[in-house]
């Protein structure tokens, strides 16, 4: 935006606030003690403008009709830090730019996005709006109106200009096959395309919906009517790098795209080898059910009004899936497993459920957690999610092979009607981590009666641990050649990912389990056995011995002469 354009704006009509702020302006209330005075600060105006649907906060110009330029030194040299601070404080992304007039006077323009649907932003616990030159508390009626907002079903809207000729024949056949099988209705296969679309409510008054486009539209139609339906898959060899090593762009009907996405991701999949006591099996880094559910959730629940694509970032050991729009209304990071969410695209989600591509609404995340934790992997991570995007990180490396074997054994003992469910497995994971106090008492009671966990300590301070079988599994395969198996696996992990592994790389991977001196001692003991030490001083690095060591079985063969 140019300065001349700003001077034509009106504060109320154009949702803009002008402040001179020549030499200073408080960031978050300054030294004021009264709330009505503290709110007249940068954060207060950001909150108010966002609650009004977004707008601009301008420093360095007068608030009269002429909007004369007076210049401002607000946040000089700290623009990036200020944007980060707003995100940290409010969870929204503002854009701040500096403009200069012909004599060099500086104007600072903060562009503020609209608040999320059904949510108010607050400054120090109070939702604010502007009234003239002042900021005021929103009334109960205003807050209730916002909280009662309902997000329209984008997928049920008519897609102007979309016709039957724009649909992919193979995608239509896949839809019919999956629906007929899931609903046990073979007659559905014989329906015409038009009747198929009508029966599934993909048409309205002979016009096709956006759900029909997303599920069945060919690439040309998608590019024309909804290009942000595109899925970008980026592969990076290491987590620290910014640019991707390879990128795949997928813009196809969802019934075809989901298989292509999985095939591409699975091409770089590898196995965690589990060999705990009597349990010997492989667990892929990326579980197909988990990844399919996560990708379909991202596509089905994203906000298509935001002009950005779904992004999948793949690394050798993990996958991040990012989609536009925050959680659906009523869903938070704390309740996302337990709450029955209202999807943004109800029609699209209904079709995915009826054809068996996803779990029932609100249960897909349950499956992601249940499978991931039962495989001994870290908990799925939604911590980077905010109001404007959902970001799910899935770590594929098994961090506790004994737990994976323990759950596997427990499930084998049970009949189909008595398998461990999501909340039981989450509870067992928490108990393993020493957090039995946060597990639902009913779940603790049930697991204790089944012998899956046991009580330790007195009645008043009772704690729970997993059954003895878990600890037997950990101890039985706990060592190889006098070294802890888990320590050897961590060393192998680093050595495979670093061409020249430094001591600090090994120390970082052990985190709080071993201290620096313990790691140094361990590495030095393995030099000449599975590691080669090269260089001197700060240039010292370590590589695996010649001949190659692919996995822990190779290490075992060397250390134990197997």
Protein backbone atom coordinates (compact mmCIF):
# COMPACT_ATOMS: atom_id res chain seq x y z
CA UNK A 1 0.00 0.00 0.00
CA UNK A 2 1.27 3.49 -0.88
CA UNK A 3 1.16 6.57 1.37
CA UNK A 4 -1.15 8.42 -1.04
CA UNK A 5 -3.61 5.52 -0.87
CA UNK A 6 -3.54 5.62 2.94
CA UNK A 7 -4.38 9.33 2.93
CA UNK A 8 -7.64 8.59 1.08
CA UNK A 9 -8.88 6.16 3.73
CA UNK A 10 -11.44 6.86 6.44
CA UNK A 11 -10.99 5.28 9.83
CA UNK A 12 -14.42 3.76 10.36
CA UNK A 13 -15.44 2.92 6.79
CA UNK A 14 -12.08 1.48 5.75
CA UNK A 15 -11.18 -0.19 9.07
CA UNK A 16 -7.99 1.76 9.58
CA UNK A 17 -6.57 3.46 12.68
CA UNK A 18 -4.12 6.38 12.36
CA UNK A 19 -1.70 7.30 15.16
CA UNK A 20 1.11 9.83 15.14
CA UNK A 21 3.39 7.76 17.40
CA UNK A 22 6.31 10.03 16.53
CA UNK A 23 8.75 8.88 19.16
CA UNK A 24 7.01 6.15 21.10
CA UNK A 25 3.88 4.04 21.41
CA UNK A 26 3.28 1.35 24.08
CA UNK A 27 3.44 -2.24 22.93
CA UNK A 28 1.27 -3.84 25.59
CA UNK A 29 -0.04 -1.30 28.05
CA UNK A 30 3.16 0.33 29.20
CA UNK A 31 3.23 1.63 32.76
CA UNK A 32 -0.52 2.21 33.03
CA UNK A 33 -2.38 0.38 35.79
CA UNK A 34 -6.02 0.89 34.78
CA UNK A 35 -7.31 -1.48 32.13
CA UNK A 36 -9.02 1.27 30.12
CA UNK A 37 -5.65 3.03 29.79
CA UNK A 38 -3.56 -0.12 29.24
CA UNK A 39 -5.66 -1.21 26.27
CA UNK A 40 -4.63 1.90 24.27
CA UNK A 41 -1.52 0.19 22.99
CA UNK A 42 -0.28 -1.60 19.88
CA UNK A 43 -1.66 -5.00 20.92
CA UNK A 44 -4.97 -3.43 21.98
CA UNK A 45 -5.55 -1.90 18.55
CA UNK A 46 -4.48 -5.13 16.80
CA UNK A 47 -7.08 -7.04 18.84
CA UNK A 48 -9.84 -4.50 18.16
CA UNK A 49 -9.20 -4.28 14.41
CA UNK A 50 -9.05 -8.07 14.10
CA UNK A 51 -12.38 -8.38 15.95
CA UNK A 52 -13.87 -5.90 13.46
CA UNK A 53 -12.89 -8.08 10.51
CA UNK A 54 -9.29 -6.98 10.01
CA UNK A 55 -7.77 -3.72 8.88
CA UNK A 56 -4.71 -1.45 9.09
CA UNK A 57 -2.94 0.24 12.00
CA UNK A 58 -0.90 3.20 10.72
CA UNK A 59 1.79 4.96 12.74
CA UNK A 60 3.40 8.21 11.60
CA UNK A 61 0.27 9.94 10.22
CA UNK A 62 -2.30 12.19 11.89
CA UNK A 63 -5.83 10.95 12.49
CA UNK A 64 -7.58 13.98 11.05
CA UNK A 65 -9.12 14.09 7.58
CA UNK A 66 -5.81 15.06 5.88
CA UNK A 67 -3.75 12.29 7.50
CA UNK A 68 -0.61 14.40 7.33
CA UNK A 69 2.72 12.57 7.50
CA UNK A 70 4.64 13.26 10.71
CA UNK A 71 6.94 10.22 10.77
CA UNK A 72 7.37 7.54 13.45
CA UNK A 73 10.28 5.66 14.98
CA UNK A 74 8.04 2.87 16.31
CA UNK A 75 9.76 -0.56 16.15
CA UNK A 76 12.59 0.85 14.08
CA UNK A 77 14.91 -2.02 13.20
CA UNK A 78 12.60 -4.49 14.96
CA UNK A 79 9.87 -5.20 12.43
CA UNK A 80 10.49 -8.95 12.21
CA UNK A 81 10.71 -9.29 15.98
CA UNK A 82 7.44 -7.38 16.36
CA UNK A 83 5.60 -9.67 13.94
CA UNK A 84 6.91 -12.68 15.87
CA UNK A 85 5.86 -11.13 19.19
CA UNK A 86 2.29 -10.55 17.96
CA UNK A 87 2.06 -14.16 16.81
CA UNK A 88 3.41 -15.38 20.14
CA UNK A 89 0.94 -13.23 22.08
CA UNK A 90 -2.24 -13.52 19.97
CA UNK A 91 -1.70 -16.44 17.60
CA UNK A 92 -2.35 -14.34 14.48
CA UNK A 93 0.04 -13.34 11.73
CA UNK A 94 0.22 -9.60 11.04
CA UNK A 95 2.26 -8.02 8.25
CA UNK A 96 4.23 -4.88 9.03
CA UNK A 97 5.85 -2.66 6.40
CA UNK A 98 7.74 0.63 6.41
CA UNK A 99 6.87 3.37 3.92
CA UNK A 100 8.81 6.61 3.33
CA UNK A 101 7.66 9.89 1.83
CA UNK A 102 9.73 12.07 -0.48
CA UNK A 103 11.63 13.68 2.43
CA UNK A 104 12.28 10.39 4.21
CA UNK A 105 9.57 10.50 6.89
CA UNK A 106 8.80 6.94 8.01
CA UNK A 107 5.30 5.48 8.17
CA UNK A 108 4.68 2.06 9.75
CA UNK A 109 1.67 0.10 8.44
CA UNK A 110 0.46 -3.04 10.23
CA UNK A 111 -1.98 -5.15 8.21
CA UNK A 112 -4.18 -7.19 10.54
CA UNK A 113 -6.19 -10.26 9.51
CA UNK A 114 -9.80 -10.86 10.55
CA UNK A 115 -10.42 -12.89 13.69
CA UNK A 116 -11.23 -16.57 13.15
CA UNK A 117 -14.88 -17.46 12.65
CA UNK A 118 -16.72 -17.94 15.93
CA UNK A 119 -13.84 -16.63 18.05
CA UNK A 120 -12.98 -13.30 19.64
CA UNK A 121 -9.47 -12.01 20.22
CA UNK A 122 -8.72 -10.62 23.66
CA UNK A 123 -6.28 -8.17 25.21
CA UNK A 124 -5.51 -9.10 28.81
CA UNK A 125 -8.62 -11.27 28.87
CA UNK A 126 -10.98 -8.69 27.37
CA UNK A 127 -12.43 -8.69 23.79
CA UNK A 128 -12.07 -5.16 22.39
CA UNK A 129 -13.63 -3.02 19.66
CA UNK A 130 -13.10 0.59 18.61
CA UNK A 131 -15.44 3.49 19.37
CA UNK A 132 -14.15 6.75 17.88
CA UNK A 133 -10.68 7.28 19.32
CA UNK A 134 -11.28 4.84 22.16
CA UNK A 135 -11.20 1.08 22.67
CA UNK A 136 -14.08 -0.49 24.57
CA UNK A 137 -15.13 -3.88 25.89
CA UNK A 138 -17.41 -5.78 23.54
CA UNK A 139 -20.91 -6.20 24.94
CA UNK A 140 -22.30 -9.61 25.88
CA UNK A 141 -24.62 -9.41 22.87
CA UNK A 142 -21.71 -8.75 20.49
CA UNK A 143 -19.68 -11.61 21.95
CA UNK A 144 -22.65 -14.01 21.78
CA UNK A 145 -23.28 -13.10 18.15
CA UNK A 146 -19.68 -13.93 17.26
CA UNK A 147 -19.65 -17.18 19.20
CA UNK A 148 -22.88 -18.23 17.46
CA UNK A 149 -21.45 -17.81 13.95
CA UNK A 150 -21.76 -20.86 11.74
CA UNK A 151 -19.26 -21.60 9.01
CA UNK A 152 -21.00 -22.25 5.68
CA UNK A 153 -20.40 -25.58 3.98
CA UNK A 154 -18.09 -24.64 1.14
CA UNK A 155 -18.25 -28.10 -0.44
CA UNK A 156 -22.07 -27.87 -0.79
CA UNK A 157 -21.89 -24.64 -2.77
CA UNK A 158 -22.49 -24.65 -6.52
CA UNK A 159 -19.32 -24.55 -8.61
CA UNK A 160 -20.28 -22.20 -11.49
CA UNK A 161 -19.53 -23.65 -14.91
CA UNK A 162 -18.69 -27.18 -13.75
CA UNK A 163 -20.29 -29.87 -15.93
CA UNK A 164 -20.36 -33.65 -16.22
CA UNK A 165 -17.71 -33.48 -18.92
CA UNK A 166 -15.31 -32.02 -16.34
CA UNK A 167 -15.42 -35.17 -14.21
CA UNK A 168 -12.78 -37.90 -14.33
CA UNK A 169 -14.34 -41.21 -15.39
CA UNK A 170 -11.94 -43.33 -13.32
CA UNK A 171 -12.64 -41.25 -10.22
CA UNK A 172 -16.41 -41.68 -10.69
CA UNK A 173 -16.00 -45.45 -11.00
CA UNK A 174 -13.84 -45.54 -7.87
CA UNK A 175 -16.48 -43.61 -5.95
CA UNK A 176 -19.19 -46.05 -7.06
CA UNK A 177 -17.07 -49.10 -6.22
CA UNK A 178 -16.12 -47.85 -2.77
CA UNK A 179 -19.66 -46.75 -1.91
CA UNK A 180 -21.18 -50.04 -3.10
CA UNK A 181 -18.69 -52.05 -1.03
CA UNK A 182 -18.93 -49.88 2.11
CA UNK A 183 -22.74 -49.73 2.05
CA UNK A 184 -23.14 -53.34 0.84
CA UNK A 185 -25.18 -52.05 -2.08
CA UNK A 186 -23.97 -53.66 -5.35
CA UNK A 187 -26.90 -52.10 -7.26
CA UNK A 188 -25.20 -48.73 -6.84
CA UNK A 189 -22.61 -49.78 -9.43
CA UNK A 190 -25.25 -49.78 -12.16
CA UNK A 191 -26.41 -46.19 -11.65
CA UNK A 192 -25.73 -43.55 -14.27
CA UNK A 193 -23.26 -40.79 -13.44
CA UNK A 194 -26.10 -38.28 -13.08
CA UNK A 195 -28.05 -40.55 -10.75
CA UNK A 196 -24.91 -41.28 -8.71
CA UNK A 197 -24.31 -37.58 -8.19
CA UNK A 198 -27.95 -36.96 -7.34
CA UNK A 199 -28.14 -39.78 -4.79
CA UNK A 200 -25.04 -38.46 -3.01
CA UNK A 201 -26.28 -34.82 -3.08
CA UNK A 202 -23.35 -33.77 -5.25
CA UNK A 203 -25.77 -31.84 -7.46
CA UNK A 204 -28.19 -29.04 -6.63
CA UNK A 205 -30.85 -28.14 -9.18
CA UNK A 206 -28.83 -29.81 -11.94
CA UNK A 207 -25.66 -27.88 -11.00
CA UNK A 208 -22.55 -29.55 -9.60
CA UNK A 209 -21.08 -28.69 -6.22
CA UNK A 210 -17.51 -28.00 -5.14
CA UNK A 211 -17.56 -31.41 -3.42
CA UNK A 212 -18.07 -33.00 -6.85
CA UNK A 213 -15.14 -30.96 -8.17
CA UNK A 214 -12.78 -31.90 -5.31
CA UNK A 215 -13.70 -35.60 -5.37
CA UNK A 216 -14.17 -36.20 -9.09
CA UNK A 217 -13.03 -33.20 -11.13
CA UNK A 218 -10.28 -33.72 -13.71
CA UNK A 219 -7.01 -31.79 -13.53
CA UNK A 220 -8.10 -29.16 -16.06
CA UNK A 221 -11.32 -28.42 -14.15
CA UNK A 222 -9.50 -28.26 -10.81
CA UNK A 223 -6.93 -25.87 -12.22
CA UNK A 224 -9.67 -23.64 -13.56
CA UNK A 225 -12.15 -23.63 -10.65
CA UNK A 226 -10.12 -24.47 -7.51
CA UNK A 227 -6.33 -24.41 -8.04
CA UNK A 228 -5.68 -24.27 -4.29
CA UNK A 229 -6.95 -27.87 -4.08
CA UNK A 230 -3.41 -28.75 -5.13
CA UNK A 231 -1.25 -30.84 -2.78
CA UNK A 232 2.47 -30.07 -2.70
CA UNK A 233 4.79 -32.81 -1.44
CA UNK A 234 8.26 -31.59 -0.50
CA UNK A 235 11.08 -33.97 0.41
CA UNK A 236 14.03 -32.82 2.51
CA UNK A 237 16.94 -34.98 3.53
CA UNK A 238 17.53 -33.03 6.75
CA UNK A 239 15.31 -31.00 9.08
CA UNK A 240 17.53 -27.94 9.07
CA UNK A 241 17.45 -27.20 5.37
CA UNK A 242 15.12 -24.56 3.94
CA UNK A 243 14.93 -25.62 0.30
CA UNK A 244 13.47 -29.00 -0.61
CA UNK A 245 15.47 -31.71 -2.42
CA UNK A 246 12.50 -32.77 -4.50
CA UNK A 247 8.93 -31.55 -5.00
CA UNK A 248 5.86 -33.29 -6.36
CA UNK A 249 2.68 -31.41 -7.25
CA UNK A 250 -0.60 -33.33 -7.25
CA UNK A 251 -3.80 -31.80 -8.63
CA UNK A 252 -6.16 -34.67 -9.29
CA UNK A 253 -9.62 -35.80 -8.15
CA UNK A 254 -9.32 -36.89 -4.52
CA UNK A 255 -10.39 -40.47 -5.21
CA UNK A 256 -7.28 -40.78 -7.39
CA UNK A 257 -4.99 -38.31 -5.64
CA UNK A 258 -5.02 -40.08 -2.27
CA UNK A 259 -3.50 -43.24 -3.79
CA UNK A 260 -0.90 -41.20 -5.68
CA UNK A 261 0.04 -39.28 -2.54
CA UNK A 262 0.52 -42.47 -0.53
CA UNK A 263 2.51 -44.13 -3.33
CA UNK A 264 4.86 -41.15 -3.48
CA UNK A 265 5.37 -40.98 0.30
CA UNK A 266 5.71 -44.75 0.63
CA UNK A 267 8.49 -44.71 -1.97
CA UNK A 268 10.82 -43.37 0.74
CA UNK A 269 9.41 -45.48 3.54
CA UNK A 270 11.57 -47.86 5.56
CA UNK A 271 11.07 -50.26 8.44
CA UNK A 272 11.67 -50.19 12.16
CA UNK A 273 12.74 -53.73 13.02
CA UNK A 274 11.13 -55.01 16.20
CA UNK A 275 12.72 -58.03 17.85
CA UNK A 276 11.58 -58.03 21.45
CA UNK A 277 11.42 -61.42 23.15
CA UNK A 278 8.94 -63.61 21.26
CA UNK A 279 7.72 -60.68 19.15
CA UNK A 280 9.52 -60.21 15.85
CA UNK A 281 7.96 -57.94 13.24
CA UNK A 282 8.59 -54.84 11.17
CA UNK A 283 6.88 -51.48 11.64
CA UNK A 284 7.15 -49.03 8.76
CA UNK A 285 8.19 -45.50 9.63
CA UNK A 286 5.03 -44.24 7.94
CA UNK A 287 1.91 -46.27 8.68
CA UNK A 288 -0.42 -46.28 5.68
CA UNK A 289 -3.63 -45.94 7.70
CA UNK A 290 -2.22 -43.03 9.70
CA UNK A 291 -0.90 -41.13 6.70
CA UNK A 292 -4.03 -41.64 4.60
CA UNK A 293 -6.26 -40.51 7.47
CA UNK A 294 -4.08 -37.48 8.18
CA UNK A 295 -3.93 -36.40 4.53
CA UNK A 296 -7.66 -36.88 3.97
CA UNK A 297 -8.41 -34.94 7.15
CA UNK A 298 -6.21 -32.09 5.93
CA UNK A 299 -7.95 -31.97 2.55
CA UNK A 300 -11.49 -32.41 3.87
CA UNK A 301 -11.26 -30.01 6.82
CA UNK A 302 -9.16 -27.24 5.28
CA UNK A 303 -10.53 -23.77 4.61
CA UNK A 304 -10.87 -23.45 0.83
CA UNK A 305 -11.53 -19.72 1.09
CA UNK A 306 -7.82 -19.29 1.90
CA UNK A 307 -5.77 -19.23 -1.27
CA UNK A 308 -3.02 -21.67 -0.31
CA UNK A 309 -2.38 -25.33 -1.02
CA UNK A 310 -2.09 -28.31 1.29
CA UNK A 311 1.60 -28.99 1.94
CA UNK A 312 3.20 -32.29 2.95
CA UNK A 313 6.81 -32.07 4.12
CA UNK A 314 8.54 -35.43 4.18
CA UNK A 315 11.85 -36.20 5.89
CA UNK A 316 13.56 -39.61 6.24
CA UNK A 317 12.12 -40.01 9.74
CA UNK A 318 8.99 -37.84 9.85
CA UNK A 319 6.16 -36.18 7.94
CA UNK A 320 4.48 -32.80 8.49
CA UNK A 321 1.04 -32.13 6.97
CA UNK A 322 -0.11 -28.50 6.79
CA UNK A 323 -3.53 -27.27 5.67
CA UNK A 324 -5.09 -23.82 5.49
CA UNK A 325 -7.50 -22.78 8.24
CA UNK A 326 -7.26 -23.58 11.94
CA UNK A 327 -9.20 -26.30 13.70
CA UNK A 328 -12.95 -26.40 12.96
CA UNK A 329 -15.18 -24.50 15.36
CA UNK A 330 -15.14 -25.93 18.87
CA UNK A 331 -11.91 -27.89 18.40
CA UNK A 332 -8.72 -27.06 20.30
CA UNK A 333 -5.36 -28.76 20.78
CA UNK A 334 -6.59 -29.93 24.18
CA UNK A 335 -9.89 -31.52 23.10
CA UNK A 336 -9.23 -32.62 19.52
CA UNK A 337 -9.45 -36.31 20.42
CA UNK A 338 -12.57 -36.14 22.57
CA UNK A 339 -14.72 -33.47 20.89
CA UNK A 340 -17.22 -34.21 18.10
CA UNK A 341 -16.17 -31.58 15.59
CA UNK A 342 -18.33 -29.84 13.02
CA UNK A 343 -16.47 -30.14 9.70
CA UNK A 344 -16.16 -27.12 7.43
CA UNK A 345 -17.14 -29.17 4.41
CA UNK A 346 -19.92 -31.42 5.67
CA UNK A 347 -20.95 -32.74 2.25
CA UNK A 348 -17.37 -33.61 1.30
CA UNK A 349 -16.80 -35.34 4.64
CA UNK A 350 -20.05 -37.29 4.37
CA UNK A 351 -19.00 -38.75 1.02
CA UNK A 352 -15.59 -39.73 2.38
CA UNK A 353 -17.28 -41.48 5.31
CA UNK A 354 -19.90 -43.25 3.18
CA UNK A 355 -17.21 -44.56 0.84
CA UNK A 356 -14.96 -45.69 3.71
CA UNK A 357 -12.06 -43.38 2.93
CA UNK A 358 -12.11 -41.82 6.42
CA UNK A 359 -13.43 -42.67 9.86
CA UNK A 360 -16.70 -41.24 11.11
CA UNK A 361 -16.55 -37.48 11.62
CA UNK A 362 -14.38 -36.57 14.59
CA UNK A 363 -12.79 -40.03 14.89
CA UNK A 364 -9.95 -39.74 12.38
CA UNK A 365 -7.62 -38.14 14.90
CA UNK A 366 -8.40 -40.99 17.32
CA UNK A 367 -7.08 -43.48 14.78
CA UNK A 368 -3.93 -41.39 14.18
CA UNK A 369 -3.16 -41.36 17.91
CA UNK A 370 -4.15 -44.96 18.55
CA UNK A 371 -1.99 -46.48 15.83
CA UNK A 372 1.00 -44.15 16.28
CA UNK A 373 1.29 -44.64 20.04
CA UNK A 374 0.64 -48.39 19.85
CA UNK A 375 3.67 -48.61 17.56
CA UNK A 376 5.90 -47.10 20.23
CA UNK A 377 6.34 -43.83 18.34
CA UNK A 378 6.17 -40.30 19.77
CA UNK A 379 2.77 -38.69 20.19
CA UNK A 380 1.39 -36.97 17.05
CA UNK A 381 2.24 -33.30 17.41
CA UNK A 382 -0.24 -30.47 16.67
CA UNK A 383 1.67 -27.85 18.70
CA UNK A 384 2.39 -25.61 15.70
CA UNK A 385 -1.30 -25.27 14.82
CA UNK A 386 -2.78 -21.77 15.08
CA UNK A 387 -5.95 -19.93 14.03
CA UNK A 388 -4.97 -19.97 10.35
CA UNK A 389 -3.46 -23.39 9.70
CA UNK A 390 -3.37 -26.91 11.11
CA UNK A 391 0.09 -28.44 11.23
CA UNK A 392 0.46 -32.11 12.16
CA UNK A 393 3.88 -33.68 12.72
CA UNK A 394 4.19 -37.47 12.69
CA UNK A 395 7.49 -39.00 13.83
CA UNK A 396 8.06 -42.36 12.19
CA UNK A 397 10.89 -43.68 14.33
CA UNK A 398 9.96 -46.17 17.06
CA UNK A 399 11.32 -44.72 20.29
CA UNK A 400 10.22 -47.61 22.51
CA UNK A 401 10.32 -50.99 20.77
CA UNK A 402 9.40 -52.82 23.97
CA UNK A 403 6.18 -50.79 24.22
CA UNK A 404 5.33 -51.60 20.60
CA UNK A 405 5.87 -55.29 21.31
CA UNK A 406 3.90 -55.02 24.57
CA UNK A 407 0.86 -53.48 22.84
CA UNK A 408 1.16 -55.98 19.99
CA UNK A 409 1.09 -58.83 22.49
CA UNK A 410 -1.84 -57.34 24.40
CA UNK A 411 -3.91 -56.98 21.24
CA UNK A 412 -3.13 -60.55 20.18
CA UNK A 413 -4.52 -61.82 23.49
CA UNK A 414 -7.85 -60.06 23.03
CA UNK A 415 -10.80 -60.93 20.84
CA UNK A 416 -12.10 -58.45 18.27
CA UNK A 417 -14.68 -57.00 20.66
CA UNK A 418 -12.16 -56.30 23.41
CA UNK A 419 -9.21 -54.68 21.65
CA UNK A 420 -7.46 -51.78 23.35
CA UNK A 421 -9.07 -48.55 22.16
CA UNK A 422 -7.68 -45.08 21.64
CA UNK A 423 -8.07 -43.86 25.21
CA UNK A 424 -6.69 -47.09 26.68
CA UNK A 425 -3.58 -46.86 24.50
CA UNK A 426 -3.13 -43.17 25.26
CA UNK A 427 -3.51 -44.05 28.94
CA UNK A 428 -0.89 -46.80 28.68
CA UNK A 429 1.45 -44.36 26.93
CA UNK A 430 1.03 -41.85 29.78
CA UNK A 431 1.59 -44.58 32.38
CA UNK A 432 4.78 -45.62 30.60
CA UNK A 433 5.91 -41.99 30.77
CA UNK A 434 5.22 -41.86 34.53
CA UNK A 435 2.06 -39.75 34.17
CA UNK A 436 -0.59 -42.10 35.54
CA UNK A 437 -2.04 -39.19 37.53
CA UNK A 438 -3.49 -37.66 34.33
CA UNK A 439 -5.19 -40.88 33.17
CA UNK A 440 -8.95 -41.22 33.64
CA UNK A 441 -9.64 -43.22 36.85
CA UNK A 442 -12.12 -45.44 35.02
CA UNK A 443 -9.46 -46.45 32.49
CA UNK A 444 -6.95 -47.10 35.28
CA UNK A 445 -9.44 -49.34 37.07
CA UNK A 446 -10.26 -51.30 33.93
CA UNK A 447 -6.61 -51.80 32.92
CA UNK A 448 -5.66 -52.84 36.44
CA UNK A 449 -8.42 -55.47 36.57
CA UNK A 450 -7.22 -56.86 33.23
CA UNK A 451 -3.64 -57.05 34.51
CA UNK A 452 -2.33 -54.69 31.84
CA UNK A 453 -1.03 -52.31 34.54
CA UNK A 454 -0.30 -52.67 38.25
CA UNK A 455 -0.51 -50.35 41.22
CA UNK A 456 2.62 -49.32 43.12
CA UNK A 457 2.95 -47.24 46.28
CA UNK A 458 0.49 -46.71 49.11
CA UNK A 459 -3.25 -46.09 48.76
CA UNK A 460 -2.96 -42.36 49.36
CA UNK A 461 -0.19 -41.88 46.79
CA UNK A 462 -0.89 -44.75 44.41
CA UNK A 463 0.91 -44.74 41.08
CA UNK A 464 0.60 -47.16 38.22
CA UNK A 465 3.16 -48.85 35.98
CA UNK A 466 2.82 -51.21 33.04
CA UNK A 467 2.64 -54.94 33.67
CA UNK A 468 5.82 -56.91 34.32
CA UNK A 469 5.78 -58.20 30.74
CA UNK A 470 6.72 -54.75 29.45
CA UNK A 471 9.78 -54.55 31.69
CA UNK A 472 10.73 -58.12 30.82
CA UNK A 473 10.68 -57.17 27.15
CA UNK A 474 12.88 -54.14 27.78
CA UNK A 475 15.40 -56.14 29.80
CA UNK A 476 15.46 -59.20 27.58
CA UNK A 477 16.78 -57.32 24.59
CA UNK A 478 18.25 -54.46 26.53
CA UNK A 479 21.88 -55.14 25.70
CA UNK A 480 24.08 -56.04 22.77
CA UNK A 481 27.72 -56.82 23.47
CA UNK A 482 27.56 -55.02 26.81
CA UNK A 483 25.94 -51.87 25.35
CA UNK A 484 22.33 -50.79 25.76
CA UNK A 485 20.43 -51.52 22.55
CA UNK A 486 18.73 -48.13 22.66
CA UNK A 487 22.12 -46.39 22.88
CA UNK A 488 23.42 -48.29 19.86
CA UNK A 489 20.29 -47.45 17.89
CA UNK A 490 20.71 -43.75 18.62
CA UNK A 491 24.33 -43.81 17.52
CA UNK A 492 23.38 -45.66 14.35
CA UNK A 493 20.64 -43.10 13.70
CA UNK A 494 23.10 -40.19 13.84
CA UNK A 495 25.81 -41.93 11.84
CA UNK A 496 23.38 -42.72 9.02
CA UNK A 497 22.18 -39.13 8.77
CA UNK A 498 25.49 -37.33 9.11
CA UNK A 499 28.25 -37.91 6.59
CA UNK A 500 30.75 -36.74 9.21
CA UNK A 501 29.07 -36.98 12.62
CA UNK A 502 30.46 -34.66 15.29
CA UNK A 503 30.34 -35.39 19.01
CA UNK A 504 27.71 -32.67 19.44
CA UNK A 505 25.43 -34.56 17.01
CA UNK A 506 25.53 -37.65 19.23
CA UNK A 507 25.08 -35.60 22.42
CA UNK A 508 22.01 -33.86 20.98
CA UNK A 509 20.37 -37.16 20.06
CA UNK A 510 20.71 -38.54 23.57
CA UNK A 511 19.05 -35.43 25.03
CA UNK A 512 18.40 -35.93 28.76
CA UNK A 513 18.99 -39.69 28.83
CA UNK A 514 22.79 -39.46 29.05
CA UNK A 515 24.97 -36.48 29.91
CA UNK A 516 27.82 -35.18 27.75
CA UNK A 517 30.55 -37.14 29.52
CA UNK A 518 28.56 -40.37 29.35
CA UNK A 519 28.04 -39.94 25.61
CA UNK A 520 31.73 -39.18 25.05
CA UNK A 521 32.71 -42.28 27.02
CA UNK A 522 30.26 -44.43 25.04
CA UNK A 523 31.45 -43.16 21.66
CA UNK A 524 35.11 -43.70 22.51
CA UNK A 525 34.37 -47.30 23.57
CA UNK A 526 32.80 -47.95 20.17
CA UNK A 527 35.69 -46.48 18.18
CA UNK A 528 37.44 -49.32 16.40
CA UNK A 529 34.43 -51.57 16.81
CA UNK A 530 31.65 -49.94 14.80
CA UNK A 531 32.99 -46.39 14.49
CA UNK A 532 36.07 -44.82 12.98
CA UNK A 533 37.42 -41.58 14.47
CA UNK A 534 38.99 -39.04 12.10
CA UNK A 535 40.38 -35.52 12.33
CA UNK A 536 41.69 -33.68 15.38
CA UNK A 537 40.48 -31.03 17.79
CA UNK A 538 37.30 -29.24 16.70
CA UNK A 539 37.56 -31.02 13.36
CA UNK A 540 37.11 -34.47 14.87
CA UNK A 541 34.30 -36.53 13.37
CA UNK A 542 33.07 -40.13 13.30
CA UNK A 543 31.93 -42.49 10.57
CA UNK A 544 30.76 -46.09 10.51
CA UNK A 545 33.38 -48.73 9.83
CA UNK A 546 34.11 -49.73 6.24
CA UNK A 547 31.81 -52.37 4.81
CA UNK A 548 28.66 -50.59 5.91
CA UNK A 549 26.30 -51.09 8.83
CA UNK A 550 22.69 -51.01 7.73
CA UNK A 551 20.79 -51.74 10.94
CA UNK A 552 21.02 -52.95 14.52
CA UNK A 553 21.36 -56.56 13.38
CA UNK A 554 24.64 -55.67 11.66
CA UNK A 555 25.83 -54.02 14.89
CA UNK A 556 24.88 -57.13 16.82
CA UNK A 557 26.78 -59.32 14.38
CA UNK A 558 29.92 -57.24 14.91
CA UNK A 559 29.74 -56.80 18.68
CA UNK A 560 28.67 -60.35 19.47
CA UNK A 561 30.27 -62.13 16.52
CA UNK A 562 26.91 -63.53 15.42
